[in-house]
Structures are given as structure tokens and as C-alpha cells.
Amino acid sequence: MTGIPKTTIKDSETLEAVNLNQLRNYLKIRGWHEDKPFLENATLWHKPVAGEEFEILLPNQQTLGDYAARIREAIQILETV
């Protein structure tokens, strides 16, 4: 049985279009826990899996300059968990 090939999204416009509220809801449904604010622009989310702690830095606003980069990182982490 073959696995489903993974797709990496690199296009900034596509990443910027990811809805922040939908991503937050997805994290909650998948067992991620909002931990604490990171500065004033983001929150840390954690999920323990098999003795390892995973962390996502999620922006608080879609208008932040590094929003696309943070969403890309979040997707990469979600691919491994």
C-alpha cells in the first residue's frame, strides 16, 4: 500500500490566504493546546506526541509581515505530527 504524497506549499499568496480562525480550530480539534502569548504578535501552541513536545508559533493577525512564513512553518510541523 502506498502513502499519499505530501505537497509543500511555498507560494506566499496561498499561505497568506490561510484563515487564521480555521487554523486555530483545526489545532484545537487535533489536540493542540494554546499555551501562552509570544510577545504581542503570536501565541505558542503545544502538543505532546510519544514523549516528544511539538510547538507551533501561531500569529495573532493575518496582516503581520511574517504571516506566510509562520503558516509555512506550522504546516511543516503538522506534517510531522
Protein backbone atom coordinates (compact mmCIF):
# COMPACT_ATOMS: atom_id res chain seq x y z
CA MET A 1 0.00 0.00 0.00
CA THR A 2 1.49 3.33 -0.99
CA GLY A 3 1.22 6.51 1.05
CA ILE A 4 -0.29 9.73 -0.09
CA PRO A 5 2.41 12.05 -1.45
CA LYS A 6 2.94 15.21 0.57
CA THR A 7 2.70 18.60 -1.03
CA THR A 8 4.74 21.53 0.17
CA ILE A 9 3.14 24.94 -0.23
CA LYS A 10 5.69 27.65 -0.93
CA ASP A 11 3.56 30.30 -2.60
CA SER A 12 3.26 33.28 -0.24
CA GLU A 13 -0.15 34.30 -1.59
CA THR A 14 -1.56 30.86 -0.86
CA LEU A 15 -0.06 30.85 2.64
CA GLU A 16 -1.38 34.34 3.36
CA ALA A 17 -4.86 33.14 2.39
CA VAL A 18 -4.91 30.51 5.16
CA ASN A 19 -7.69 31.57 7.51
CA LEU A 20 -6.29 32.06 10.99
CA ASN A 21 -9.52 31.15 12.81
CA GLN A 22 -9.89 27.94 10.82
CA LEU A 23 -6.29 27.01 11.60
CA ARG A 24 -6.84 27.67 15.33
CA ASN A 25 -9.94 25.46 15.26
CA TYR A 26 -8.03 22.74 13.41
CA LEU A 27 -5.30 22.80 16.06
CA LYS A 28 -7.85 22.52 18.88
CA ILE A 29 -9.68 19.62 17.21
CA ARG A 30 -6.36 17.81 16.67
CA GLY A 31 -5.36 18.04 20.33
CA TRP A 32 -3.10 21.08 20.27
CA HIS A 33 -3.22 23.36 23.31
CA GLU A 34 -2.81 27.12 23.23
CA ASP A 35 -0.09 27.74 25.77
CA LYS A 36 0.88 31.39 26.12
CA PRO A 37 1.37 34.62 24.22
CA PHE A 38 4.67 35.17 22.45
CA LEU A 39 5.41 38.87 22.57
CA GLU A 40 2.28 40.67 21.35
CA ASN A 41 2.04 39.14 17.90
CA ALA A 42 1.64 35.40 18.36
CA THR A 43 0.72 32.51 20.63
CA LEU A 44 2.55 29.28 21.32
CA TRP A 45 0.68 26.02 20.77
CA HIS A 46 1.90 22.67 22.08
CA LYS A 47 1.12 19.03 21.53
CA PRO A 48 2.85 16.08 23.19
CA VAL A 49 3.25 13.03 20.94
CA ALA A 50 5.03 9.84 22.01
CA GLY A 51 7.09 11.61 24.67
CA GLU A 52 8.05 14.48 22.37
CA GLU A 53 6.66 18.01 22.65
CA PHE A 54 5.82 19.81 19.41
CA GLU A 55 5.43 23.58 19.25
CA ILE A 56 3.80 25.95 16.76
CA LEU A 57 4.21 29.72 16.84
CA LEU A 58 0.89 30.99 15.51
CA PRO A 59 0.50 34.66 14.53
CA ASN A 60 -2.39 36.62 16.06
CA GLN A 61 -3.15 38.54 12.86
CA GLN A 62 -3.07 37.73 9.17
CA THR A 63 -1.67 41.19 8.45
CA LEU A 64 1.70 40.55 10.09
CA GLY A 65 4.69 40.74 7.78
CA ASP A 66 5.89 37.21 8.54
CA TYR A 67 2.43 35.60 8.46
CA ALA A 68 3.18 33.45 5.39
CA ALA A 69 6.48 32.23 6.87
CA ARG A 70 4.84 31.29 10.19
CA ILE A 71 2.00 29.46 8.43
CA ARG A 72 4.55 27.59 6.30
CA GLU A 73 6.36 26.53 9.49
CA ALA A 74 3.08 25.46 11.11
CA ILE A 75 2.18 23.31 8.11
CA GLN A 76 5.63 21.70 8.13
CA ILE A 77 5.24 20.84 11.82
CA LEU A 78 1.73 19.48 11.26
CA GLU A 79 3.10 17.23 8.51
CA THR A 80 5.42 15.54 11.04
CA VAL A 81 2.92 15.11 13.88
